[in-house]
Every structure is written in C-alpha cells, then in structure tokens.
Protein backbone atom coordinates (compact mmCIF):
# COMPACT_ATOMS: atom_id res chain seq x y z
CA MET A 1 23.56 -0.27 -22.38
CA GLU A 2 24.99 3.36 -21.73
CA ASN A 3 26.23 3.48 -18.14
CA THR A 4 25.34 7.50 -17.94
CA ARG A 5 22.16 6.88 -18.95
CA ILE A 6 21.18 3.98 -16.56
CA LYS A 7 22.38 6.15 -13.86
CA ARG A 8 20.49 9.54 -15.58
CA LEU A 9 17.22 7.73 -15.43
CA ILE A 10 18.15 6.19 -12.19
CA PHE A 11 18.26 9.78 -10.68
CA ARG A 12 15.42 10.98 -12.50
CA ALA A 13 12.89 8.03 -11.22
CA HIS A 14 13.82 9.02 -7.46
CA HIS A 15 13.31 12.65 -8.40
CA MET A 16 9.90 12.71 -10.00
CA GLY A 17 7.99 15.14 -8.25
CA SER A 18 5.93 13.20 -6.51
CA ASN A 19 6.95 10.89 -2.95
CA GLU A 20 5.25 7.87 -3.97
CA ASN A 21 6.04 8.09 -7.47
CA ASP A 22 9.68 8.59 -6.50
CA ILE A 23 9.38 5.36 -4.30
CA LEU A 24 7.49 3.15 -7.05
CA PHE A 25 9.49 4.57 -10.46
CA GLY A 26 12.58 4.84 -7.86
CA GLY A 27 12.46 1.19 -7.00
CA PHE A 28 11.39 -0.12 -10.42
CA ALA A 29 14.71 1.45 -11.94
CA ASP A 30 17.37 0.02 -9.19
CA LYS A 31 15.65 -3.02 -9.36
CA TYR A 32 14.88 -3.78 -13.28
CA LEU A 33 16.38 -0.72 -15.44
CA ALA A 34 20.25 -2.44 -16.10
CA LYS A 35 18.38 -5.57 -16.77
CA LEU A 36 16.14 -3.74 -19.64
CA VAL A 37 17.22 -3.96 -23.20
CA PRO A 38 17.64 -0.45 -25.23
CA GLU A 39 14.27 -0.40 -26.67
CA GLN A 40 12.48 -1.17 -23.18
CA VAL A 41 14.77 1.53 -21.71
CA ASP A 42 13.70 3.89 -23.93
CA ARG A 43 9.98 3.52 -23.27
CA PHE A 44 10.76 3.55 -19.97
CA GLU A 45 12.49 7.26 -20.14
CA ALA A 46 9.20 8.15 -22.45
CA LEU A 47 7.31 7.04 -19.77
CA LEU A 48 8.83 9.80 -17.26
CA ALA A 49 8.07 12.44 -19.48
CA GLU A 50 4.49 12.09 -18.61
CA THR A 51 2.84 13.99 -15.37
CA ASP A 52 3.00 12.08 -11.70
CA ASN A 53 -1.42 11.88 -11.52
CA ASP A 54 -1.09 10.21 -14.94
CA LEU A 55 2.02 7.66 -13.93
CA PHE A 56 0.27 7.26 -10.07
CA ASN A 57 -2.96 6.22 -11.27
CA TRP A 58 -1.76 4.22 -14.41
CA VAL A 59 0.60 1.99 -12.33
CA THR A 60 -1.92 1.51 -9.30
CA GLY A 61 -4.81 1.12 -11.57
CA ASN A 62 -6.58 3.57 -10.72
CA GLN A 63 -7.20 4.84 -14.65
CA THR A 64 -7.05 3.40 -17.94
CA ILE A 65 -3.65 3.07 -19.61
CA PRO A 66 -3.72 5.48 -22.83
CA PRO A 67 -3.07 2.20 -25.63
CA GLU A 68 0.17 3.52 -26.77
CA LEU A 69 1.77 3.59 -23.11
CA ASP A 70 0.28 -0.17 -22.19
CA HIS A 71 2.79 -1.80 -23.25
CA ASP A 72 5.61 -4.34 -21.89
CA ILE A 73 7.38 -2.08 -19.89
CA MET A 74 3.99 -0.82 -18.05
CA THR A 75 3.05 -4.06 -17.29
CA MET A 76 6.63 -4.53 -15.61
CA LEU A 77 5.71 -1.45 -13.83
CA LYS A 78 2.05 -2.44 -12.97
CA LYS A 79 3.59 -5.85 -11.51
CA TYR A 80 6.66 -4.31 -9.40
CA VAL A 81 3.80 -1.88 -7.36
CA GLN A 82 1.40 -5.01 -7.42
CA ASP A 83 3.63 -7.51 -5.79
CA GLU A 84 6.47 -6.21 -4.89
CA ALA A 85 6.65 -2.44 -3.87
CA ALA A 86 6.42 -1.29 -0.67
CA PRO A 87 2.78 0.09 0.31
CA ILE A 88 2.33 3.50 0.07
C-alpha cells in the first residue's frame, strides 16, 4: 500500500470535523489502515466523504446504514467502536 496515501488518510481520519469522529475514525485508522488491502482502503476513503453526523450515527448504531455502505469496513468500524474505542 502506498505509504503517502495511508498517512494522508490517517490525517483525514483524525481531522474530520467532530471530536467524536476524530477519536473513533482516527483510532480505527491508526490501528487498522496499514493492514487493509487496497480495496478496503478505497472503501474507508469513500466513507470519509460522508457527513460527520451520518458516520457517527451509523457506527454507533443510531441509524440504519445505507446498503451500499454496509460493507466489511463498516462492520470493522462498528466492531471497533463497540469493543475497542474509548467511550465518548
């Protein structure tokens, strides 16, 4: 995986707009992004283009995830938020 791209996405994940998402998505990116295959990185990057409120509500289970975004990375994010992330 291209190291520059990974670094850029980790930075973006830590600077999303809301502190909650910065913590959740930044922590996930720190832990998992370098281990993902390129297609998974593409899906993570696409998620970062969604709105902060929607992302937070999806990964915390407050809203139903649109079918086109309910994929392996979203499953990993939800598990990370539920099992590993510091409480917000």
